[in-house]
Amino acid sequence: MPHTDNNTKKEQLTFIQVMLSILASAFGVQTSQNRKRDFAKGNPLHFVISGILFTIIFVVGMIMLVNTILTNAT
């Protein structure tokens, strides 16, 4: 059985790695390797907060895009 040291903190993902994982999974192109890395090293709270923020920004962006297109179409 491998020895594990409880005092060693697991390596955390960087902000950029979390953002890239959120974008990749939002578009359905997340690699299996990155998914495993995210589950092993990532903090679930970071992914939840980032996912909610991404969703809000995406929806607001789509609303603005549709409103701009509809305004310019008439």
Protein backbone atom coordinates (compact mmCIF):
# COMPACT_ATOMS: atom_id res chain seq x y z
CA MET A 1 0.00 0.00 0.00
CA PRO A 2 1.50 3.38 -0.99
CA HIS A 3 2.39 5.80 1.76
CA THR A 4 0.37 8.98 1.77
CA ASP A 5 1.39 12.02 3.74
CA ASN A 6 -1.65 13.84 5.12
CA ASN A 7 0.38 17.03 5.51
CA THR A 8 1.03 17.41 1.79
CA LYS A 9 -1.51 19.57 0.05
CA LYS A 10 -2.68 18.39 -3.35
CA GLU A 11 -1.65 20.54 -6.29
CA GLN A 12 -4.41 22.99 -7.24
CA LEU A 13 -5.44 23.93 -10.75
CA THR A 14 -4.62 27.39 -12.01
CA PHE A 15 -7.29 29.95 -12.86
CA ILE A 16 -6.58 29.47 -16.58
CA GLN A 17 -6.91 25.67 -16.30
CA VAL A 18 -10.29 26.03 -14.59
CA MET A 19 -11.51 28.51 -17.23
CA LEU A 20 -10.35 26.29 -20.10
CA SER A 21 -12.06 23.28 -18.51
CA ILE A 22 -15.31 25.24 -18.13
CA LEU A 23 -15.19 26.38 -21.77
CA ALA A 24 -14.28 22.93 -23.08
CA SER A 25 -17.03 21.21 -21.13
CA ALA A 26 -19.58 23.88 -22.11
CA PHE A 27 -18.94 23.09 -25.77
CA GLY A 28 -18.69 19.33 -25.15
CA VAL A 29 -15.05 18.91 -26.16
CA GLN A 30 -13.44 18.17 -22.78
CA THR A 31 -10.77 15.48 -23.07
CA SER A 32 -10.84 12.47 -20.79
CA GLN A 33 -7.36 13.33 -19.54
CA ASN A 34 -8.42 16.87 -18.51
CA ARG A 35 -11.62 15.57 -16.92
CA LYS A 36 -9.61 13.14 -14.78
CA ARG A 37 -7.18 15.93 -13.87
CA ASP A 38 -10.06 18.19 -12.88
CA PHE A 39 -11.58 15.57 -10.58
CA ALA A 40 -8.21 14.73 -9.05
CA LYS A 41 -6.83 18.23 -8.50
CA GLY A 42 -9.73 20.63 -8.82
CA ASN A 43 -11.80 22.25 -6.11
CA PRO A 44 -15.50 21.60 -6.85
CA LEU A 45 -16.48 25.03 -5.54
CA HIS A 46 -14.25 26.71 -8.14
CA PHE A 47 -15.95 24.77 -10.93
CA VAL A 48 -19.47 25.49 -9.63
CA ILE A 49 -18.85 29.23 -9.28
CA SER A 50 -17.06 29.43 -12.64
CA GLY A 51 -19.82 27.45 -14.35
CA ILE A 52 -22.54 29.70 -12.94
CA LEU A 53 -20.63 32.84 -13.96
CA PHE A 54 -19.99 31.44 -17.44
CA THR A 55 -23.69 30.61 -17.84
CA ILE A 56 -24.77 34.10 -16.76
CA ILE A 57 -22.27 35.77 -19.10
CA PHE A 58 -23.28 33.47 -21.96
CA VAL A 59 -27.02 34.09 -21.53
CA VAL A 60 -26.59 37.86 -21.19
CA GLY A 61 -24.34 37.83 -24.26
CA MET A 62 -26.94 35.91 -26.28
CA ILE A 63 -29.69 38.31 -25.19
CA MET A 64 -27.58 41.29 -26.21
CA LEU A 65 -26.72 39.68 -29.55
CA VAL A 66 -30.37 38.89 -30.34
CA ASN A 67 -31.48 42.38 -29.32
CA THR A 68 -28.78 43.94 -31.52
CA ILE A 69 -29.77 41.79 -34.48
CA LEU A 70 -33.48 42.51 -34.04
CA THR A 71 -32.87 46.24 -33.66
CA ASN A 72 -30.78 46.38 -36.83
CA ALA A 73 -33.19 44.15 -38.79
CA THR A 74 -36.09 46.59 -38.66
